[in-house]
N, C-alpha and C. Protein backbone atom coordinates (compact mmCIF):
# COMPACT_ATOMS: atom_id res chain seq x y z
N MET A 1 0.85 -1.18 0.00
CA MET A 1 0.00 0.00 0.00
C MET A 1 0.90 1.24 0.00
N PRO A 2 0.77 2.06 -1.04
CA PRO A 2 1.58 3.29 -1.05
C PRO A 2 1.08 4.29 -0.01
N LEU A 3 2.00 5.00 0.58
CA LEU A 3 1.67 5.99 1.59
C LEU A 3 1.85 7.39 1.00
N ASP A 4 1.01 7.69 0.02
CA ASP A 4 1.15 8.94 -0.74
C ASP A 4 0.99 10.18 0.14
N ILE A 5 0.02 10.18 1.02
CA ILE A 5 -0.22 11.36 1.86
C ILE A 5 0.91 11.54 2.85
N THR A 6 1.33 10.46 3.47
CA THR A 6 2.45 10.54 4.41
C THR A 6 3.72 10.98 3.69
N ALA A 7 3.95 10.45 2.49
CA ALA A 7 5.14 10.83 1.73
C ALA A 7 5.13 12.33 1.42
N PHE A 8 3.97 12.86 1.08
CA PHE A 8 3.85 14.29 0.79
C PHE A 8 4.25 15.12 2.01
N PHE A 9 3.67 14.79 3.16
CA PHE A 9 3.97 15.56 4.37
C PHE A 9 5.42 15.33 4.83
N ALA A 10 5.93 14.12 4.68
CA ALA A 10 7.32 13.84 5.05
C ALA A 10 8.28 14.66 4.19
N ALA A 11 7.96 14.81 2.91
CA ALA A 11 8.81 15.59 2.02
C ALA A 11 8.87 17.06 2.46
N ILE A 12 7.73 17.63 2.80
CA ILE A 12 7.71 19.03 3.24
C ILE A 12 8.47 19.18 4.56
N HIS A 13 8.23 18.26 5.49
CA HIS A 13 8.97 18.29 6.76
C HIS A 13 10.47 18.17 6.50
N GLY A 14 10.85 17.27 5.60
CA GLY A 14 12.27 17.08 5.29
C GLY A 14 12.91 18.33 4.71
N LEU A 15 12.21 18.99 3.80
CA LEU A 15 12.75 20.22 3.22
C LEU A 15 12.89 21.32 4.27
N PHE A 16 11.90 21.42 5.15
CA PHE A 16 11.99 22.42 6.21
C PHE A 16 13.14 22.09 7.16
N PHE A 17 13.35 20.81 7.44
CA PHE A 17 14.47 20.41 8.29
C PHE A 17 15.80 20.78 7.63
N LEU A 18 15.89 20.63 6.31
CA LEU A 18 17.10 21.04 5.60
C LEU A 18 17.33 22.54 5.75
N LEU A 19 16.27 23.33 5.69
CA LEU A 19 16.40 24.77 5.88
C LEU A 19 16.93 25.09 7.29
N LEU A 20 16.36 24.44 8.29
CA LEU A 20 16.83 24.67 9.67
C LEU A 20 18.28 24.24 9.82
N SER A 21 18.66 23.13 9.18
CA SER A 21 20.05 22.65 9.23
C SER A 21 20.98 23.64 8.55
N ALA A 22 20.56 24.16 7.41
CA ALA A 22 21.39 25.14 6.70
C ALA A 22 21.61 26.38 7.55
N ARG A 23 20.59 26.79 8.28
CA ARG A 23 20.74 27.97 9.15
C ARG A 23 21.76 27.71 10.26
N VAL A 24 21.81 26.50 10.77
CA VAL A 24 22.82 26.16 11.78
C VAL A 24 24.21 26.22 11.14
N ILE A 25 24.35 25.64 9.97
CA ILE A 25 25.66 25.62 9.28
C ILE A 25 26.13 27.04 8.97
N LEU A 26 25.24 27.87 8.47
CA LEU A 26 25.60 29.25 8.13
C LEU A 26 26.04 30.03 9.37
N GLN A 27 25.35 29.82 10.48
CA GLN A 27 25.73 30.51 11.71
C GLN A 27 27.08 30.01 12.22
N ARG A 28 27.33 28.71 12.09
CA ARG A 28 28.64 28.17 12.48
C ARG A 28 29.75 28.86 11.69
N ARG A 29 29.54 28.99 10.40
CA ARG A 29 30.57 29.61 9.55
C ARG A 29 30.75 31.08 9.88
N SER A 30 29.65 31.81 10.02
CA SER A 30 29.77 33.25 10.25
C SER A 30 30.33 33.57 11.63
N ALA A 31 30.06 32.72 12.62
CA ALA A 31 30.56 32.97 13.98
C ALA A 31 31.86 32.23 14.28
N GLY A 32 32.31 31.39 13.33
CA GLY A 32 33.55 30.64 13.53
C GLY A 32 33.43 29.60 14.63
N ILE A 33 32.28 28.93 14.71
CA ILE A 33 32.03 27.93 15.76
C ILE A 33 32.15 26.55 15.13
N ALA A 34 33.14 25.79 15.57
CA ALA A 34 33.34 24.45 15.02
C ALA A 34 32.55 23.39 15.79
N TRP A 35 32.37 23.60 17.09
CA TRP A 35 31.76 22.57 17.93
C TRP A 35 30.85 23.23 18.96
N GLY A 36 29.73 22.61 19.25
CA GLY A 36 28.84 23.14 20.28
C GLY A 36 28.18 24.43 19.83
N ASP A 37 27.85 25.28 20.80
CA ASP A 37 27.16 26.52 20.47
C ASP A 37 28.04 27.75 20.64
N GLY A 38 29.28 27.57 21.13
CA GLY A 38 30.20 28.69 21.27
C GLY A 38 29.69 29.79 22.18
N ASP A 39 28.72 29.47 23.00
CA ASP A 39 28.06 30.44 23.88
C ASP A 39 27.52 31.64 23.09
N ASP A 40 27.11 31.34 21.85
CA ASP A 40 26.54 32.35 20.95
C ASP A 40 25.02 32.21 21.00
N ARG A 41 24.35 33.28 21.38
CA ARG A 41 22.89 33.25 21.57
C ARG A 41 22.16 32.84 20.28
N GLU A 42 22.57 33.38 19.17
CA GLU A 42 21.93 33.05 17.89
C GLU A 42 22.17 31.59 17.52
N MET A 43 23.37 31.11 17.81
CA MET A 43 23.68 29.70 17.53
C MET A 43 22.81 28.78 18.37
N LYS A 44 22.66 29.12 19.64
CA LYS A 44 21.81 28.32 20.53
C LYS A 44 20.38 28.25 19.99
N ARG A 45 19.87 29.40 19.53
CA ARG A 45 18.50 29.46 19.02
C ARG A 45 18.35 28.54 17.80
N ARG A 46 19.30 28.62 16.90
CA ARG A 46 19.20 27.82 15.67
C ARG A 46 19.36 26.32 15.96
N ILE A 47 20.27 25.99 16.85
CA ILE A 47 20.46 24.57 17.21
C ILE A 47 19.18 24.02 17.83
N ARG A 48 18.59 24.76 18.75
CA ARG A 48 17.37 24.28 19.41
C ARG A 48 16.20 24.19 18.44
N ALA A 49 16.12 25.11 17.49
CA ALA A 49 15.04 25.04 16.49
C ALA A 49 15.18 23.76 15.67
N GLN A 50 16.40 23.44 15.26
CA GLN A 50 16.65 22.23 14.49
C GLN A 50 16.40 20.98 15.35
N ALA A 51 16.89 20.99 16.58
CA ALA A 51 16.72 19.83 17.46
C ALA A 51 15.25 19.62 17.80
N ASN A 52 14.51 20.70 18.01
CA ASN A 52 13.09 20.58 18.32
C ASN A 52 12.36 19.93 17.15
N ALA A 53 12.71 20.32 15.93
CA ALA A 53 12.10 19.70 14.76
C ALA A 53 12.44 18.20 14.71
N ALA A 54 13.71 17.88 15.02
CA ALA A 54 14.13 16.48 15.00
C ALA A 54 13.43 15.66 16.08
N GLU A 55 13.00 16.31 17.15
CA GLU A 55 12.32 15.61 18.24
C GLU A 55 10.85 15.32 17.91
N TYR A 56 10.18 16.27 17.28
CA TYR A 56 8.74 16.14 17.07
C TYR A 56 8.34 15.57 15.71
N MET A 57 9.07 15.91 14.65
CA MET A 57 8.67 15.48 13.31
C MET A 57 8.55 13.96 13.16
N PRO A 58 9.51 13.18 13.64
CA PRO A 58 9.42 11.73 13.41
C PRO A 58 8.15 11.09 13.98
N ILE A 59 7.80 11.39 15.23
CA ILE A 59 6.63 10.73 15.82
C ILE A 59 5.35 11.13 15.10
N GLY A 60 5.25 12.40 14.71
CA GLY A 60 4.07 12.83 13.97
C GLY A 60 3.94 12.12 12.63
N LEU A 61 5.06 11.99 11.92
CA LEU A 61 5.03 11.31 10.62
C LEU A 61 4.81 9.81 10.76
N ILE A 62 5.35 9.22 11.80
CA ILE A 62 5.11 7.78 12.03
C ILE A 62 3.62 7.55 12.29
N LEU A 63 3.04 8.37 13.15
CA LEU A 63 1.61 8.23 13.43
C LEU A 63 0.77 8.44 12.17
N LEU A 64 1.11 9.44 11.37
CA LEU A 64 0.38 9.69 10.13
C LEU A 64 0.47 8.48 9.21
N GLY A 65 1.67 7.91 9.09
CA GLY A 65 1.84 6.72 8.25
C GLY A 65 1.05 5.53 8.76
N LEU A 66 1.04 5.34 10.08
CA LEU A 66 0.26 4.23 10.64
C LEU A 66 -1.23 4.41 10.38
N LEU A 67 -1.70 5.64 10.50
CA LEU A 67 -3.11 5.91 10.22
C LEU A 67 -3.43 5.67 8.75
N GLU A 68 -2.51 6.02 7.87
CA GLU A 68 -2.75 5.77 6.44
C GLU A 68 -2.77 4.28 6.15
N ILE A 69 -1.87 3.52 6.78
CA ILE A 69 -1.87 2.07 6.62
C ILE A 69 -3.17 1.46 7.15
N GLN A 70 -3.65 2.00 8.27
CA GLN A 70 -4.89 1.48 8.87
C GLN A 70 -6.13 1.86 8.07
N GLY A 71 -5.98 2.71 7.08
CA GLY A 71 -7.09 3.03 6.20
C GLY A 71 -7.92 4.24 6.60
N LEU A 72 -7.37 5.13 7.38
CA LEU A 72 -8.10 6.35 7.73
C LEU A 72 -8.41 7.12 6.45
N GLN A 73 -9.57 7.75 6.42
CA GLN A 73 -10.01 8.50 5.24
C GLN A 73 -8.99 9.56 4.84
N SER A 74 -8.86 9.79 3.54
CA SER A 74 -7.89 10.76 3.03
C SER A 74 -8.11 12.15 3.58
N TRP A 75 -9.37 12.57 3.69
CA TRP A 75 -9.66 13.92 4.19
C TRP A 75 -9.16 14.09 5.62
N ALA A 76 -9.28 13.02 6.42
CA ALA A 76 -8.83 13.08 7.81
C ALA A 76 -7.29 13.10 7.87
N LEU A 77 -6.66 12.28 7.02
CA LEU A 77 -5.20 12.28 6.97
C LEU A 77 -4.66 13.65 6.55
N LEU A 78 -5.29 14.23 5.54
CA LEU A 78 -4.85 15.54 5.06
C LEU A 78 -5.05 16.62 6.13
N GLY A 79 -6.17 16.56 6.82
CA GLY A 79 -6.43 17.54 7.88
C GLY A 79 -5.46 17.41 9.04
N LEU A 80 -5.25 16.19 9.50
CA LEU A 80 -4.32 15.97 10.61
C LEU A 80 -2.88 16.30 10.21
N GLY A 81 -2.51 15.89 8.99
CA GLY A 81 -1.17 16.18 8.51
C GLY A 81 -0.93 17.67 8.36
N ALA A 82 -1.93 18.38 7.84
CA ALA A 82 -1.80 19.83 7.67
C ALA A 82 -1.71 20.55 9.01
N LEU A 83 -2.50 20.10 9.98
CA LEU A 83 -2.46 20.70 11.31
C LEU A 83 -1.08 20.54 11.93
N PHE A 84 -0.55 19.32 11.89
CA PHE A 84 0.77 19.05 12.46
C PHE A 84 1.85 19.83 11.70
N LEU A 85 1.77 19.84 10.38
CA LEU A 85 2.75 20.56 9.57
C LEU A 85 2.70 22.06 9.86
N ALA A 86 1.52 22.63 9.94
CA ALA A 86 1.40 24.06 10.25
C ALA A 86 2.06 24.38 11.58
N GLY A 87 1.84 23.53 12.57
CA GLY A 87 2.47 23.73 13.87
C GLY A 87 3.98 23.70 13.79
N ARG A 88 4.51 22.72 13.05
CA ARG A 88 5.97 22.59 12.94
C ARG A 88 6.57 23.77 12.18
N LEU A 89 5.92 24.20 11.10
CA LEU A 89 6.46 25.31 10.31
C LEU A 89 6.42 26.62 11.10
N ILE A 90 5.29 26.89 11.73
CA ILE A 90 5.16 28.14 12.50
C ILE A 90 6.13 28.14 13.67
N HIS A 91 6.18 27.05 14.41
CA HIS A 91 7.09 26.99 15.56
C HIS A 91 8.55 27.09 15.12
N GLY A 92 8.91 26.31 14.11
CA GLY A 92 10.30 26.31 13.64
C GLY A 92 10.73 27.68 13.14
N TRP A 93 9.87 28.36 12.40
CA TRP A 93 10.21 29.69 11.91
C TRP A 93 10.33 30.67 13.07
N ALA A 94 9.34 30.66 13.96
CA ALA A 94 9.35 31.61 15.08
C ALA A 94 10.52 31.34 16.03
N PHE A 95 10.92 30.09 16.16
CA PHE A 95 12.01 29.73 17.06
C PHE A 95 13.37 30.06 16.43
N SER A 96 13.51 29.78 15.15
CA SER A 96 14.81 29.89 14.49
C SER A 96 15.19 31.32 14.14
N PHE A 97 14.22 32.15 13.82
CA PHE A 97 14.52 33.50 13.37
C PHE A 97 14.38 34.49 14.51
N ALA A 98 15.45 35.22 14.79
CA ALA A 98 15.42 36.22 15.86
C ALA A 98 14.41 37.31 15.51
N GLY A 99 13.74 37.80 16.51
CA GLY A 99 12.79 38.88 16.30
C GLY A 99 11.39 38.44 15.96
N ALA A 100 11.18 37.13 15.80
CA ALA A 100 9.83 36.65 15.51
C ALA A 100 8.97 36.80 16.77
N PRO A 101 7.71 37.17 16.62
CA PRO A 101 6.85 37.34 17.80
C PRO A 101 6.70 36.05 18.59
N MET A 102 6.77 36.16 19.91
CA MET A 102 6.63 35.00 20.80
C MET A 102 5.27 34.33 20.60
N GLY A 103 4.26 35.12 20.27
CA GLY A 103 2.93 34.55 20.04
C GLY A 103 2.91 33.51 18.93
N LEU A 104 3.76 33.70 17.91
CA LEU A 104 3.83 32.71 16.83
C LEU A 104 4.43 31.40 17.33
N ARG A 105 5.43 31.52 18.19
CA ARG A 105 6.04 30.30 18.75
C ARG A 105 5.01 29.54 19.59
N VAL A 106 4.22 30.27 20.37
CA VAL A 106 3.18 29.65 21.19
C VAL A 106 2.12 29.01 20.30
N LEU A 107 1.72 29.72 19.24
CA LEU A 107 0.74 29.16 18.29
C LEU A 107 1.29 27.89 17.65
N GLY A 108 2.56 27.93 17.23
CA GLY A 108 3.17 26.74 16.63
C GLY A 108 3.21 25.57 17.59
N THR A 109 3.52 25.85 18.84
CA THR A 109 3.53 24.80 19.86
C THR A 109 2.14 24.23 20.05
N ALA A 110 1.14 25.10 20.14
CA ALA A 110 -0.24 24.64 20.34
C ALA A 110 -0.71 23.80 19.16
N LEU A 111 -0.42 24.23 17.94
CA LEU A 111 -0.83 23.44 16.76
C LEU A 111 -0.09 22.11 16.70
N THR A 112 1.20 22.13 17.02
CA THR A 112 1.98 20.89 17.02
C THR A 112 1.42 19.89 18.03
N LEU A 113 1.20 20.34 19.25
CA LEU A 113 0.73 19.43 20.30
C LEU A 113 -0.71 18.97 20.03
N THR A 114 -1.53 19.86 19.50
CA THR A 114 -2.90 19.47 19.14
C THR A 114 -2.87 18.43 18.03
N GLY A 115 -2.06 18.68 17.00
CA GLY A 115 -1.93 17.72 15.91
C GLY A 115 -1.41 16.38 16.38
N LEU A 116 -0.38 16.42 17.22
CA LEU A 116 0.20 15.18 17.74
C LEU A 116 -0.81 14.44 18.61
N GLY A 117 -1.55 15.18 19.43
CA GLY A 117 -2.57 14.55 20.27
C GLY A 117 -3.67 13.91 19.44
N LEU A 118 -4.15 14.61 18.41
CA LEU A 118 -5.20 14.05 17.56
C LEU A 118 -4.72 12.86 16.75
N LEU A 119 -3.48 12.94 16.25
CA LEU A 119 -2.91 11.79 15.55
C LEU A 119 -2.83 10.57 16.48
N SER A 120 -2.40 10.80 17.71
CA SER A 120 -2.28 9.71 18.70
C SER A 120 -3.65 9.13 19.03
N LEU A 121 -4.62 10.00 19.28
CA LEU A 121 -5.97 9.51 19.60
C LEU A 121 -6.58 8.74 18.45
N ALA A 122 -6.40 9.24 17.23
CA ALA A 122 -6.94 8.53 16.07
C ALA A 122 -6.30 7.15 15.93
N ALA A 123 -4.98 7.07 16.13
CA ALA A 123 -4.30 5.77 16.05
C ALA A 123 -4.79 4.83 17.14
N LEU A 124 -4.99 5.36 18.34
CA LEU A 124 -5.48 4.54 19.44
C LEU A 124 -6.89 4.03 19.16
N VAL A 125 -7.76 4.91 18.68
CA VAL A 125 -9.14 4.51 18.38
C VAL A 125 -9.17 3.45 17.29
N LEU A 126 -8.38 3.65 16.23
CA LEU A 126 -8.37 2.65 15.16
C LEU A 126 -7.80 1.32 15.64
N ALA A 127 -6.76 1.37 16.46
CA ALA A 127 -6.17 0.13 16.98
C ALA A 127 -7.15 -0.60 17.89
N MET A 128 -7.84 0.15 18.74
CA MET A 128 -8.80 -0.49 19.64
C MET A 128 -10.02 -1.00 18.87
N THR A 129 -10.43 -0.27 17.84
CA THR A 129 -11.54 -0.73 17.00
C THR A 129 -11.17 -2.05 16.35
N PHE A 130 -9.94 -2.15 15.87
CA PHE A 130 -9.49 -3.39 15.27
C PHE A 130 -9.51 -4.52 16.30
N GLY A 131 -9.06 -4.22 17.51
CA GLY A 131 -9.06 -5.24 18.57
C GLY A 131 -10.46 -5.73 18.89
N VAL A 132 -11.42 -4.81 18.95
CA VAL A 132 -12.82 -5.20 19.19
C VAL A 132 -13.33 -6.02 18.01
N GLY A 133 -12.93 -5.62 16.79
CA GLY A 133 -13.34 -6.37 15.60
C GLY A 133 -12.80 -7.79 15.62
N VAL A 134 -11.57 -7.95 16.09
CA VAL A 134 -10.98 -9.28 16.20
C VAL A 134 -11.79 -10.14 17.15
N LEU A 135 -12.19 -9.55 18.28
CA LEU A 135 -13.01 -10.28 19.24
C LEU A 135 -14.36 -10.64 18.65
N ALA A 136 -15.00 -9.65 18.00
CA ALA A 136 -16.36 -9.84 17.50
C ALA A 136 -16.42 -10.89 16.40
N THR A 137 -15.40 -10.94 15.56
CA THR A 137 -15.43 -11.90 14.45
C THR A 137 -14.85 -13.25 14.83
N GLY A 138 -14.33 -13.36 16.02
CA GLY A 138 -13.83 -14.65 16.50
C GLY A 138 -12.51 -15.06 15.90
N TRP A 139 -11.70 -14.10 15.43
CA TRP A 139 -10.40 -14.46 14.89
C TRP A 139 -9.50 -15.05 15.97
N HIS A 140 -9.66 -14.53 17.16
CA HIS A 140 -8.91 -15.03 18.31
C HIS A 140 -9.87 -15.19 19.47
N ARG A 141 -9.46 -15.99 20.43
CA ARG A 141 -10.27 -16.07 21.63
C ARG A 141 -10.18 -14.75 22.38
N PRO A 142 -11.23 -14.38 23.09
CA PRO A 142 -11.19 -13.12 23.86
C PRO A 142 -10.00 -13.04 24.81
N SER A 143 -9.63 -14.18 25.40
CA SER A 143 -8.52 -14.14 26.35
C SER A 143 -7.21 -13.74 25.67
N ASP A 144 -7.02 -14.12 24.40
CA ASP A 144 -5.81 -13.72 23.67
C ASP A 144 -5.73 -12.21 23.53
N THR A 145 -6.83 -11.60 23.11
CA THR A 145 -6.85 -10.17 22.87
C THR A 145 -6.73 -9.40 24.18
N VAL A 146 -7.47 -9.82 25.19
CA VAL A 146 -7.39 -9.15 26.49
C VAL A 146 -5.98 -9.29 27.06
N GLY A 147 -5.40 -10.47 26.90
CA GLY A 147 -4.04 -10.69 27.37
C GLY A 147 -3.05 -9.78 26.67
N ALA A 148 -3.21 -9.59 25.37
CA ALA A 148 -2.32 -8.71 24.62
C ALA A 148 -2.44 -7.27 25.11
N TYR A 149 -3.68 -6.82 25.35
CA TYR A 149 -3.87 -5.46 25.88
C TYR A 149 -3.23 -5.32 27.26
N LEU A 150 -3.38 -6.33 28.10
CA LEU A 150 -2.79 -6.27 29.44
C LEU A 150 -1.27 -6.23 29.39
N VAL A 151 -0.68 -7.00 28.49
CA VAL A 151 0.78 -6.97 28.33
C VAL A 151 1.22 -5.56 27.94
N CYS A 152 0.50 -4.93 27.00
CA CYS A 152 0.83 -3.56 26.59
C CYS A 152 0.71 -2.59 27.76
N VAL A 153 -0.33 -2.72 28.54
CA VAL A 153 -0.54 -1.83 29.69
C VAL A 153 0.58 -2.01 30.71
N VAL A 154 0.98 -3.25 30.98
CA VAL A 154 2.05 -3.51 31.95
C VAL A 154 3.37 -2.91 31.46
N TRP A 155 3.71 -3.11 30.19
CA TRP A 155 4.95 -2.54 29.66
C TRP A 155 4.91 -1.02 29.69
N PHE A 156 3.76 -0.43 29.37
CA PHE A 156 3.62 1.03 29.41
C PHE A 156 3.82 1.52 30.84
N ALA A 157 3.19 0.88 31.80
CA ALA A 157 3.31 1.28 33.20
C ALA A 157 4.76 1.13 33.68
N LEU A 158 5.41 0.05 33.28
CA LEU A 158 6.81 -0.15 33.64
C LEU A 158 7.69 0.95 33.05
N GLY A 159 7.43 1.31 31.81
CA GLY A 159 8.18 2.39 31.16
C GLY A 159 8.01 3.71 31.89
N ILE A 160 6.78 4.04 32.28
CA ILE A 160 6.51 5.26 33.03
C ILE A 160 7.21 5.23 34.37
N PHE A 161 7.16 4.09 35.05
CA PHE A 161 7.79 3.94 36.36
C PHE A 161 9.30 4.16 36.26
N ILE A 162 9.94 3.51 35.29
CA ILE A 162 11.40 3.64 35.13
C ILE A 162 11.77 5.07 34.75
N THR A 163 10.98 5.67 33.86
CA THR A 163 11.24 7.05 33.46
C THR A 163 11.13 8.00 34.65
N SER A 164 10.14 7.79 35.49
CA SER A 164 9.99 8.67 36.66
C SER A 164 11.15 8.51 37.63
N ILE A 165 11.66 7.30 37.79
CA ILE A 165 12.82 7.08 38.66
C ILE A 165 14.03 7.82 38.10
N ILE A 166 14.24 7.75 36.79
CA ILE A 166 15.37 8.43 36.16
C ILE A 166 15.26 9.93 36.35
N PHE A 167 14.07 10.49 36.11
CA PHE A 167 13.88 11.93 36.26
C PHE A 167 14.07 12.37 37.70
N GLN A 168 13.60 11.56 38.66
CA GLN A 168 13.79 11.91 40.06
C GLN A 168 15.26 11.89 40.44
N ALA A 169 16.00 10.91 39.92
CA ALA A 169 17.44 10.83 40.21
C ALA A 169 18.18 12.03 39.62
N ARG A 170 17.81 12.43 38.41
CA ARG A 170 18.44 13.59 37.79
C ARG A 170 18.11 14.87 38.56
N ALA A 171 16.89 14.97 39.02
CA ALA A 171 16.49 16.15 39.78
C ALA A 171 17.28 16.24 41.09
N ARG A 172 17.49 15.08 41.73
CA ARG A 172 18.28 15.08 42.97
C ARG A 172 19.73 15.47 42.69
N GLU A 173 20.27 15.01 41.57
CA GLU A 173 21.66 15.37 41.22
C GLU A 173 21.79 16.86 40.98
N GLU A 174 20.81 17.46 40.33
CA GLU A 174 20.88 18.88 40.01
C GLU A 174 20.71 19.75 41.24
N THR A 175 19.90 19.30 42.20
CA THR A 175 19.65 20.12 43.40
C THR A 175 20.64 19.85 44.52
N GLY A 176 21.27 18.71 44.47
CA GLY A 176 22.13 18.39 45.62
C GLY A 176 23.43 17.93 45.24
């Protein structure tokens, strides 16, 4: 199954990431910074804009691709993809370019998180709908499906628990 809609949005995200990367490279050259940020405020801004894009773009595109594979309607994919893309473009521009209004960065963040949340919820609903369909059609015994959901819940809870321990340990190191 071709992922035409996901490919379209991935291409735009990729081009924007190249722009953010080029801005980091240009600032490195103009400021003579070979490694790190050189304690240069503009360099820090550009690095964080690029890194922020690298942090958020992959999960949004993965979710969009999964939804396309699961057969979500094209209009919904286009709407969710456009919402997430608008958030990334607005945030990345407002973050990377000095003098951009803070309100644009906030708007970009809100659109990004809303898009990511809706993509996640849609994927969860489709996955759970499939699970209920498996039960209803008798493809598997109910205990198999319930067991699979419980295994996922246990691993998720374990991941949250371990993450919280790590964050608490780091917080103690920073304060004490």
